[in-house]
Amino acid sequence: MKWQPQPPAATSLTRAQYSGWNCCWCNARLTNGARSAGRAQGSIGAHDMSVEVYECRPQCTQRPRHPRRTPEKADQGGTP
């Protein structure tokens, strides 16, 4: 399974990010070629504020990178 970073919390997004107008990672305006970054989760009280968010394409430079294996995890047979 391909590693996918979790989008920022829905409650921390700007209005433009929440509305799908801007990238959820770098806040750049999305024009052509944006792609889904996943579902931002969050709630305010009893209200579910979760929403589909989008990222720049090609891959946004502010998007979190895959965590690398540390030497001690590699020695213990840990997973990335």
C-alpha atoms as a PDB file:
ATOM      1  CA  MET A   1       0.000   0.000   0.000  1.00  0.00           C
ATOM      2  CA  LYS A   2       1.317   3.424  -0.942  1.00  0.00           C
ATOM      3  CA  TRP A   3       2.020   5.824   1.934  1.00  0.00           C
ATOM      4  CA  GLN A   4      -0.304   8.845   1.938  1.00  0.00           C
ATOM      5  CA  PRO A   5       0.135  11.757   4.383  1.00  0.00           C
ATOM      6  CA  GLN A   6      -2.888  12.806   6.400  1.00  0.00           C
ATOM      7  CA  PRO A   7      -4.231  16.206   5.324  1.00  0.00           C
ATOM      8  CA  PRO A   8      -4.267  19.028   7.889  1.00  0.00           C
ATOM      9  CA  ALA A   9      -7.185  19.143  10.329  1.00  0.00           C
ATOM     10  CA  ALA A  10     -10.351  20.616   8.819  1.00  0.00           C
ATOM     11  CA  THR A  11     -10.527  23.189  11.614  1.00  0.00           C
ATOM     12  CA  SER A  12      -7.044  24.539  10.774  1.00  0.00           C
ATOM     13  CA  LEU A  13      -7.764  25.191   7.072  1.00  0.00           C
ATOM     14  CA  THR A  14      -8.331  28.642   5.612  1.00  0.00           C
ATOM     15  CA  ARG A  15     -11.694  29.298   3.968  1.00  0.00           C
ATOM     16  CA  ALA A  16     -10.094  28.954   0.516  1.00  0.00           C
ATOM     17  CA  GLN A  17      -8.470  25.617   1.451  1.00  0.00           C
ATOM     18  CA  TYR A  18     -11.694  24.348   3.015  1.00  0.00           C
ATOM     19  CA  SER A  19     -13.660  25.365  -0.102  1.00  0.00           C
ATOM     20  CA  GLY A  20     -11.214  23.607  -2.449  1.00  0.00           C
ATOM     21  CA  TRP A  21      -9.915  26.818  -4.033  1.00  0.00           C
ATOM     22  CA  ASN A  22      -6.377  26.582  -2.582  1.00  0.00           C
ATOM     23  CA  CYS A  23      -3.853  23.795  -1.944  1.00  0.00           C
ATOM     24  CA  CYS A  24      -4.258  22.291   1.538  1.00  0.00           C
ATOM     25  CA  TRP A  25      -0.443  22.187   2.004  1.00  0.00           C
ATOM     26  CA  CYS A  26       0.925  25.476   0.614  1.00  0.00           C
ATOM     27  CA  ASN A  27      -2.248  27.589   0.217  1.00  0.00           C
ATOM     28  CA  ALA A  28      -1.476  28.293  -3.472  1.00  0.00           C
ATOM     29  CA  ARG A  29      -4.456  28.955  -5.739  1.00  0.00           C
ATOM     30  CA  LEU A  30      -5.561  25.809  -7.562  1.00  0.00           C
ATOM     31  CA  THR A  31      -6.230  26.298 -11.249  1.00  0.00           C
ATOM     32  CA  ASN A  32      -5.700  23.259 -13.495  1.00  0.00           C
ATOM     33  CA  GLY A  33      -4.523  19.787 -12.581  1.00  0.00           C
ATOM     34  CA  ALA A  34      -5.237  19.776  -8.853  1.00  0.00           C
ATOM     35  CA  ARG A  35      -5.741  16.374  -7.258  1.00  0.00           C
ATOM     36  CA  SER A  36      -7.334  15.061  -4.101  1.00  0.00           C
ATOM     37  CA  ALA A  37      -5.116  15.070  -1.013  1.00  0.00           C
ATOM     38  CA  GLY A  38      -7.622  13.083   1.017  1.00  0.00           C
ATOM     39  CA  ARG A  39     -10.187  13.955   3.615  1.00  0.00           C
ATOM     40  CA  ALA A  40      -9.437  16.584   6.265  1.00  0.00           C
ATOM     41  CA  GLN A  41     -11.093  15.441   9.507  1.00  0.00           C
ATOM     42  CA  GLY A  42     -12.460  17.681  12.203  1.00  0.00           C
ATOM     43  CA  SER A  43     -15.467  18.799  14.169  1.00  0.00           C
ATOM     44  CA  ILE A  44     -16.762  21.802  16.046  1.00  0.00           C
ATOM     45  CA  GLY A  45     -18.960  20.648  18.870  1.00  0.00           C
ATOM     46  CA  ALA A  46     -21.477  18.183  17.428  1.00  0.00           C
ATOM     47  CA  HIS A  47     -20.889  19.385  13.839  1.00  0.00           C
ATOM     48  CA  ASP A  48     -18.738  17.247  11.551  1.00  0.00           C
ATOM     49  CA  MET A  49     -16.541  19.649   9.519  1.00  0.00           C
ATOM     50  CA  SER A  50     -14.687  16.917   7.566  1.00  0.00           C
ATOM     51  CA  VAL A  51     -14.171  17.775   3.899  1.00  0.00           C
ATOM     52  CA  GLU A  52     -12.307  16.566   0.791  1.00  0.00           C
ATOM     53  CA  VAL A  53      -9.197  18.744   0.253  1.00  0.00           C
ATOM     54  CA  TYR A  54      -6.939  19.207  -2.764  1.00  0.00           C
ATOM     55  CA  GLU A  55      -3.244  19.691  -3.487  1.00  0.00           C
ATOM     56  CA  CYS A  56      -1.142  21.212  -6.281  1.00  0.00           C
ATOM     57  CA  ARG A  57      -0.155  19.017  -9.169  1.00  0.00           C
ATOM     58  CA  PRO A  58       2.571  18.003  -9.769  1.00  0.00           C
ATOM     59  CA  GLN A  59       3.095  17.090  -6.150  1.00  0.00           C
ATOM     60  CA  CYS A  60       3.157  20.093  -3.836  1.00  0.00           C
ATOM     61  CA  THR A  61       6.586  20.990  -2.429  1.00  0.00           C
ATOM     62  CA  GLN A  62       5.043  21.603   1.029  1.00  0.00           C
ATOM     63  CA  ARG A  63       3.464  18.125   1.178  1.00  0.00           C
ATOM     64  CA  PRO A  64       4.881  15.992   4.026  1.00  0.00           C
ATOM     65  CA  ARG A  65       7.423  13.414   2.858  1.00  0.00           C
ATOM     66  CA  HIS A  66       7.483   9.728   3.684  1.00  0.00           C
ATOM     67  CA  PRO A  67       9.189   9.133   7.028  1.00  0.00           C
ATOM     68  CA  ARG A  68      12.441   7.256   6.533  1.00  0.00           C
ATOM     69  CA  ARG A  69      13.438   4.186   8.483  1.00  0.00           C
ATOM     70  CA  THR A  70      15.832   4.909  11.296  1.00  0.00           C
ATOM     71  CA  PRO A  71      18.830   2.580  11.763  1.00  0.00           C
ATOM     72  CA  GLU A  72      17.455   1.178  15.038  1.00  0.00           C
ATOM     73  CA  LYS A  73      14.117   0.284  13.378  1.00  0.00           C
ATOM     74  CA  ALA A  74      15.945  -1.318  10.461  1.00  0.00           C
ATOM     75  CA  ASP A  75      17.987  -3.451  12.880  1.00  0.00           C
ATOM     76  CA  GLN A  76      14.822  -4.563  14.679  1.00  0.00           C
ATOM     77  CA  GLY A  77      12.993  -5.356  11.451  1.00  0.00           C
ATOM     78  CA  GLY A  78      10.669  -2.363  11.872  1.00  0.00           C
ATOM     79  CA  THR A  79       8.450  -1.117   9.107  1.00  0.00           C
ATOM     80  CA  PRO A  80       8.727   2.344   7.531  1.00  0.00           C
END
